[in-house]
Amino acid sequence: MSDATEHHLEHHLEHHLEPHGHLEDNAEAVQAHLKRLRRIEGQVRGIQRMVEEEKYCIDILTQVSAATKALQSLALSLLDDHMAHCVVDAARQGGAEQEQKLKEASEAIARLVRS
């Protein structure tokens, strides 16, 4: 991950992890997401060890692919939660809130498609 991407992610997480969504009242979902993130973190640390130990490039790439798929799966799960709760709630409210949440969801989907 590039320094710019990492900085953007840190900023995004700091800004968006303030309690304000359905996860605030859903400890089970939070724990499931954290469990997945810890597993992904372990995968990435394993890749780091493989690079340090100068393992075979194809083996490293295979592990990078697995970690990428795990991150994509997490992203889809978060998006699904967001659509099912935040976007639906905003749609019920209508107005500017609805437009904002739909725009955010559309932009998130576009980022996922490009990644």
N, C-alpha and C. Protein backbone atom coordinates (compact mmCIF):
# COMPACT_ATOMS: atom_id res chain seq x y z
N MET A 1 0.86 -1.16 0.00
CA MET A 1 0.00 0.00 0.00
C MET A 1 0.90 1.22 0.00
N SER A 2 0.63 2.18 -0.86
CA SER A 2 1.44 3.38 -0.94
C SER A 2 1.21 4.25 0.29
N ASP A 3 2.17 5.15 0.57
CA ASP A 3 2.02 6.05 1.71
C ASP A 3 0.80 6.93 1.56
N ALA A 4 0.53 7.40 0.33
CA ALA A 4 -0.63 8.25 0.09
C ALA A 4 -1.92 7.49 0.35
N THR A 5 -1.99 6.24 -0.10
CA THR A 5 -3.18 5.41 0.12
C THR A 5 -3.36 5.15 1.60
N GLU A 6 -2.27 4.83 2.28
CA GLU A 6 -2.34 4.56 3.71
C GLU A 6 -2.80 5.80 4.48
N HIS A 7 -2.27 6.97 4.11
CA HIS A 7 -2.68 8.22 4.76
C HIS A 7 -4.17 8.47 4.52
N HIS A 8 -4.63 8.27 3.29
CA HIS A 8 -6.04 8.47 2.96
C HIS A 8 -6.91 7.53 3.78
N LEU A 9 -6.50 6.27 3.90
CA LEU A 9 -7.26 5.29 4.65
C LEU A 9 -7.32 5.68 6.13
N GLU A 10 -6.18 6.11 6.70
CA GLU A 10 -6.17 6.52 8.10
C GLU A 10 -7.11 7.71 8.31
N HIS A 11 -7.04 8.69 7.42
CA HIS A 11 -7.91 9.86 7.53
C HIS A 11 -9.37 9.44 7.42
N HIS A 12 -9.66 8.58 6.45
CA HIS A 12 -11.02 8.11 6.24
C HIS A 12 -11.54 7.39 7.49
N LEU A 13 -10.72 6.52 8.07
CA LEU A 13 -11.14 5.78 9.24
C LEU A 13 -11.35 6.71 10.43
N GLU A 14 -10.44 7.66 10.63
CA GLU A 14 -10.60 8.61 11.74
C GLU A 14 -11.89 9.39 11.58
N HIS A 15 -12.18 9.82 10.36
CA HIS A 15 -13.37 10.63 10.11
C HIS A 15 -14.65 9.81 10.20
N HIS A 16 -14.62 8.61 9.69
CA HIS A 16 -15.86 7.84 9.56
C HIS A 16 -16.10 6.82 10.66
N LEU A 17 -15.17 6.66 11.59
CA LEU A 17 -15.42 5.69 12.65
C LEU A 17 -16.09 6.32 13.87
N GLU A 18 -16.47 7.58 13.77
CA GLU A 18 -17.25 8.19 14.83
C GLU A 18 -18.59 7.46 14.84
N PRO A 19 -19.11 7.14 16.04
CA PRO A 19 -20.39 6.42 16.08
C PRO A 19 -21.49 7.21 15.40
N HIS A 20 -22.07 6.63 14.36
CA HIS A 20 -23.17 7.31 13.67
C HIS A 20 -23.96 6.39 12.78
N GLY A 21 -23.62 5.16 12.72
CA GLY A 21 -24.32 4.26 11.81
C GLY A 21 -24.92 3.09 12.57
N HIS A 22 -25.35 2.12 11.81
CA HIS A 22 -25.99 0.94 12.42
C HIS A 22 -25.00 0.14 13.24
N LEU A 23 -23.70 0.25 12.94
CA LEU A 23 -22.71 -0.51 13.70
C LEU A 23 -22.63 -0.04 15.14
N GLU A 24 -23.03 1.21 15.38
CA GLU A 24 -22.99 1.76 16.73
C GLU A 24 -23.79 0.89 17.70
N ASP A 25 -24.90 0.37 17.25
CA ASP A 25 -25.76 -0.44 18.10
C ASP A 25 -25.72 -1.92 17.73
N ASN A 26 -24.72 -2.34 16.99
CA ASN A 26 -24.66 -3.72 16.53
C ASN A 26 -23.30 -4.31 16.85
N ALA A 27 -23.12 -4.68 18.11
CA ALA A 27 -21.84 -5.21 18.57
C ALA A 27 -21.45 -6.47 17.81
N GLU A 28 -22.44 -7.28 17.42
CA GLU A 28 -22.16 -8.52 16.70
C GLU A 28 -21.51 -8.23 15.34
N ALA A 29 -22.04 -7.26 14.62
CA ALA A 29 -21.47 -6.89 13.32
C ALA A 29 -20.06 -6.32 13.49
N VAL A 30 -19.88 -5.48 14.50
CA VAL A 30 -18.56 -4.90 14.76
C VAL A 30 -17.56 -6.01 15.03
N GLN A 31 -17.93 -6.96 15.88
CA GLN A 31 -17.01 -8.05 16.20
C GLN A 31 -16.70 -8.92 14.98
N ALA A 32 -17.69 -9.15 14.14
CA ALA A 32 -17.46 -9.94 12.93
C ALA A 32 -16.48 -9.21 11.99
N HIS A 33 -16.66 -7.90 11.84
CA HIS A 33 -15.76 -7.13 10.98
C HIS A 33 -14.34 -7.11 11.57
N LEU A 34 -14.25 -6.94 12.89
CA LEU A 34 -12.93 -6.91 13.53
C LEU A 34 -12.23 -8.26 13.41
N LYS A 35 -12.99 -9.34 13.52
CA LYS A 35 -12.41 -10.69 13.37
C LYS A 35 -11.83 -10.85 11.97
N ARG A 36 -12.59 -10.41 10.97
CA ARG A 36 -12.10 -10.50 9.59
C ARG A 36 -10.84 -9.65 9.41
N LEU A 37 -10.85 -8.45 10.00
CA LEU A 37 -9.69 -7.57 9.87
C LEU A 37 -8.45 -8.16 10.55
N ARG A 38 -8.63 -8.80 11.68
CA ARG A 38 -7.48 -9.45 12.35
C ARG A 38 -6.93 -10.58 11.49
N ARG A 39 -7.82 -11.33 10.84
CA ARG A 39 -7.38 -12.40 9.96
C ARG A 39 -6.59 -11.82 8.77
N ILE A 40 -7.10 -10.75 8.21
CA ILE A 40 -6.42 -10.09 7.08
C ILE A 40 -5.07 -9.54 7.53
N GLU A 41 -5.04 -8.95 8.72
CA GLU A 41 -3.78 -8.44 9.26
C GLU A 41 -2.75 -9.56 9.36
N GLY A 42 -3.18 -10.72 9.81
CA GLY A 42 -2.28 -11.87 9.90
C GLY A 42 -1.78 -12.30 8.53
N GLN A 43 -2.68 -12.24 7.54
CA GLN A 43 -2.26 -12.58 6.17
C GLN A 43 -1.18 -11.61 5.68
N VAL A 44 -1.38 -10.33 5.94
CA VAL A 44 -0.44 -9.32 5.46
C VAL A 44 0.90 -9.46 6.19
N ARG A 45 0.86 -9.74 7.47
CA ARG A 45 2.12 -9.98 8.21
C ARG A 45 2.84 -11.21 7.66
N GLY A 46 2.08 -12.23 7.28
CA GLY A 46 2.68 -13.41 6.66
C GLY A 46 3.35 -13.07 5.34
N ILE A 47 2.72 -12.22 4.57
CA ILE A 47 3.32 -11.78 3.29
C ILE A 47 4.61 -11.02 3.56
N GLN A 48 4.59 -10.17 4.58
CA GLN A 48 5.79 -9.42 4.93
C GLN A 48 6.93 -10.37 5.29
N ARG A 49 6.61 -11.39 6.08
CA ARG A 49 7.64 -12.39 6.43
C ARG A 49 8.17 -13.09 5.19
N MET A 50 7.27 -13.43 4.27
CA MET A 50 7.69 -14.12 3.05
C MET A 50 8.66 -13.26 2.25
N VAL A 51 8.39 -11.96 2.18
CA VAL A 51 9.29 -11.05 1.46
C VAL A 51 10.63 -10.97 2.18
N GLU A 52 10.57 -10.81 3.51
CA GLU A 52 11.82 -10.74 4.30
C GLU A 52 12.66 -12.00 4.13
N GLU A 53 11.99 -13.14 4.03
CA GLU A 53 12.69 -14.41 3.89
C GLU A 53 12.98 -14.76 2.43
N GLU A 54 12.65 -13.83 1.55
CA GLU A 54 12.91 -13.98 0.11
C GLU A 54 12.32 -15.27 -0.46
N LYS A 55 11.08 -15.52 -0.12
CA LYS A 55 10.37 -16.69 -0.65
C LYS A 55 10.12 -16.52 -2.14
N TYR A 56 9.71 -17.58 -2.77
CA TYR A 56 9.44 -17.60 -4.21
C TYR A 56 8.35 -16.59 -4.55
N CYS A 57 8.62 -15.78 -5.55
CA CYS A 57 7.74 -14.66 -5.93
C CYS A 57 6.29 -15.11 -6.19
N ILE A 58 6.13 -16.21 -6.88
CA ILE A 58 4.78 -16.68 -7.20
C ILE A 58 4.02 -17.05 -5.93
N ASP A 59 4.70 -17.62 -4.95
CA ASP A 59 4.06 -17.94 -3.68
C ASP A 59 3.61 -16.66 -2.97
N ILE A 60 4.45 -15.63 -3.02
CA ILE A 60 4.10 -14.34 -2.41
C ILE A 60 2.89 -13.75 -3.13
N LEU A 61 2.91 -13.78 -4.45
CA LEU A 61 1.80 -13.23 -5.22
C LEU A 61 0.49 -13.97 -4.94
N THR A 62 0.59 -15.27 -4.73
CA THR A 62 -0.60 -16.06 -4.39
C THR A 62 -1.19 -15.57 -3.07
N GLN A 63 -0.34 -15.29 -2.09
CA GLN A 63 -0.80 -14.79 -0.80
C GLN A 63 -1.34 -13.36 -0.90
N VAL A 64 -0.73 -12.55 -1.76
CA VAL A 64 -1.24 -11.19 -1.99
C VAL A 64 -2.65 -11.27 -2.58
N SER A 65 -2.83 -12.18 -3.52
CA SER A 65 -4.15 -12.37 -4.13
C SER A 65 -5.18 -12.79 -3.09
N ALA A 66 -4.81 -13.69 -2.19
CA ALA A 66 -5.73 -14.14 -1.14
C ALA A 66 -6.09 -12.99 -0.20
N ALA A 67 -5.11 -12.18 0.18
CA ALA A 67 -5.37 -11.04 1.06
C ALA A 67 -6.25 -10.00 0.35
N THR A 68 -6.01 -9.80 -0.92
CA THR A 68 -6.83 -8.86 -1.70
C THR A 68 -8.27 -9.33 -1.74
N LYS A 69 -8.48 -10.62 -1.98
CA LYS A 69 -9.83 -11.17 -2.01
C LYS A 69 -10.50 -11.02 -0.65
N ALA A 70 -9.74 -11.22 0.42
CA ALA A 70 -10.30 -11.07 1.77
C ALA A 70 -10.72 -9.63 2.02
N LEU A 71 -9.92 -8.67 1.58
CA LEU A 71 -10.28 -7.25 1.73
C LEU A 71 -11.50 -6.91 0.89
N GLN A 72 -11.57 -7.46 -0.31
CA GLN A 72 -12.74 -7.21 -1.15
C GLN A 72 -14.00 -7.79 -0.52
N SER A 73 -13.88 -8.95 0.07
CA SER A 73 -15.02 -9.57 0.74
C SER A 73 -15.48 -8.73 1.92
N LEU A 74 -14.53 -8.21 2.69
CA LEU A 74 -14.87 -7.33 3.80
C LEU A 74 -15.55 -6.06 3.28
N ALA A 75 -15.01 -5.49 2.21
CA ALA A 75 -15.60 -4.28 1.64
C ALA A 75 -17.04 -4.53 1.20
N LEU A 76 -17.29 -5.66 0.57
CA LEU A 76 -18.65 -5.98 0.14
C LEU A 76 -19.59 -6.17 1.33
N SER A 77 -19.09 -6.76 2.39
CA SER A 77 -19.89 -6.94 3.59
C SER A 77 -20.24 -5.58 4.21
N LEU A 78 -19.25 -4.70 4.29
CA LEU A 78 -19.49 -3.36 4.83
C LEU A 78 -20.46 -2.59 3.94
N LEU A 79 -20.30 -2.72 2.63
CA LEU A 79 -21.20 -2.04 1.70
C LEU A 79 -22.62 -2.58 1.85
N ASP A 80 -22.75 -3.88 1.98
CA ASP A 80 -24.06 -4.48 2.16
C ASP A 80 -24.72 -3.95 3.44
N ASP A 81 -23.95 -3.89 4.52
CA ASP A 81 -24.48 -3.34 5.77
C ASP A 81 -24.90 -1.88 5.58
N HIS A 82 -24.06 -1.12 4.90
CA HIS A 82 -24.35 0.30 4.68
C HIS A 82 -25.63 0.47 3.87
N MET A 83 -25.76 -0.30 2.82
CA MET A 83 -26.95 -0.19 1.97
C MET A 83 -28.21 -0.61 2.75
N ALA A 84 -28.11 -1.68 3.52
CA ALA A 84 -29.26 -2.22 4.22
C ALA A 84 -29.72 -1.34 5.38
N HIS A 85 -28.83 -0.55 5.91
CA HIS A 85 -29.19 0.24 7.08
C HIS A 85 -29.12 1.74 6.81
N CYS A 86 -27.92 2.25 6.56
CA CYS A 86 -27.73 3.70 6.41
C CYS A 86 -28.49 4.26 5.21
N VAL A 87 -28.37 3.60 4.07
CA VAL A 87 -29.02 4.11 2.86
C VAL A 87 -30.54 3.96 2.98
N VAL A 88 -30.99 2.83 3.50
CA VAL A 88 -32.43 2.62 3.67
C VAL A 88 -33.00 3.66 4.63
N ASP A 89 -32.31 3.90 5.75
CA ASP A 89 -32.78 4.91 6.71
C ASP A 89 -32.83 6.29 6.07
N ALA A 90 -31.80 6.63 5.30
CA ALA A 90 -31.78 7.94 4.63
C ALA A 90 -32.89 8.04 3.59
N ALA A 91 -33.17 6.95 2.90
CA ALA A 91 -34.24 6.95 1.89
C ALA A 91 -35.59 7.21 2.55
N ARG A 92 -35.76 6.69 3.74
CA ARG A 92 -37.00 6.93 4.48
C ARG A 92 -37.14 8.41 4.85
N GLN A 93 -36.00 9.04 5.16
CA GLN A 93 -36.02 10.46 5.55
C GLN A 93 -36.21 11.36 4.34
N GLY A 94 -35.64 10.93 3.21
CA GLY A 94 -35.74 11.72 1.99
C GLY A 94 -34.84 12.95 2.03
N GLY A 95 -35.03 13.83 1.09
CA GLY A 95 -34.31 15.09 1.04
C GLY A 95 -32.82 14.96 0.84
N ALA A 96 -32.09 15.92 1.41
CA ALA A 96 -30.64 16.01 1.22
C ALA A 96 -29.91 14.80 1.79
N GLU A 97 -30.40 14.29 2.92
CA GLU A 97 -29.76 13.11 3.53
C GLU A 97 -29.81 11.92 2.58
N GLN A 98 -30.94 11.72 1.94
CA GLN A 98 -31.10 10.63 0.97
C GLN A 98 -30.14 10.82 -0.18
N GLU A 99 -30.09 12.00 -0.73
CA GLU A 99 -29.19 12.27 -1.86
C GLU A 99 -27.74 12.03 -1.48
N GLN A 100 -27.34 12.48 -0.29
CA GLN A 100 -25.96 12.33 0.17
C GLN A 100 -25.59 10.86 0.33
N LYS A 101 -26.45 10.08 0.97
CA LYS A 101 -26.16 8.66 1.19
C LYS A 101 -26.12 7.89 -0.13
N LEU A 102 -27.00 8.21 -1.05
CA LEU A 102 -26.98 7.54 -2.36
C LEU A 102 -25.71 7.90 -3.11
N LYS A 103 -25.30 9.16 -3.04
CA LYS A 103 -24.06 9.59 -3.71
C LYS A 103 -22.86 8.88 -3.10
N GLU A 104 -22.80 8.82 -1.77
CA GLU A 104 -21.70 8.12 -1.10
C GLU A 104 -21.65 6.65 -1.50
N ALA A 105 -22.80 5.99 -1.52
CA ALA A 105 -22.85 4.57 -1.88
C ALA A 105 -22.40 4.37 -3.32
N SER A 106 -22.86 5.23 -4.21
CA SER A 106 -22.46 5.13 -5.62
C SER A 106 -20.96 5.31 -5.78
N GLU A 107 -20.39 6.27 -5.08
CA GLU A 107 -18.96 6.51 -5.16
C GLU A 107 -18.17 5.33 -4.56
N ALA A 108 -18.67 4.77 -3.48
CA ALA A 108 -18.00 3.60 -2.86
C ALA A 108 -18.02 2.41 -3.83
N ILE A 109 -19.14 2.19 -4.47
CA ILE A 109 -19.25 1.10 -5.45
C ILE A 109 -18.28 1.33 -6.60
N ALA A 110 -18.19 2.56 -7.07
CA ALA A 110 -17.27 2.88 -8.17
C ALA A 110 -15.82 2.60 -7.74
N ARG A 111 -15.46 2.97 -6.51
CA ARG A 111 -14.10 2.70 -6.03
C ARG A 111 -13.84 1.20 -5.97
N LEU A 112 -14.82 0.44 -5.50
CA LEU A 112 -14.64 -1.01 -5.43
C LEU A 112 -14.50 -1.65 -6.81
N VAL A 113 -15.25 -1.15 -7.75
CA VAL A 113 -15.18 -1.69 -9.12
C VAL A 113 -13.81 -1.40 -9.73
N ARG A 114 -13.26 -0.23 -9.43
CA ARG A 114 -11.96 0.14 -9.99
C ARG A 114 -10.81 -0.57 -9.32
N SER A 115 -11.01 -1.08 -8.10
CA SER A 115 -9.88 -1.66 -7.38
C SER A 115 -9.58 -3.08 -7.79
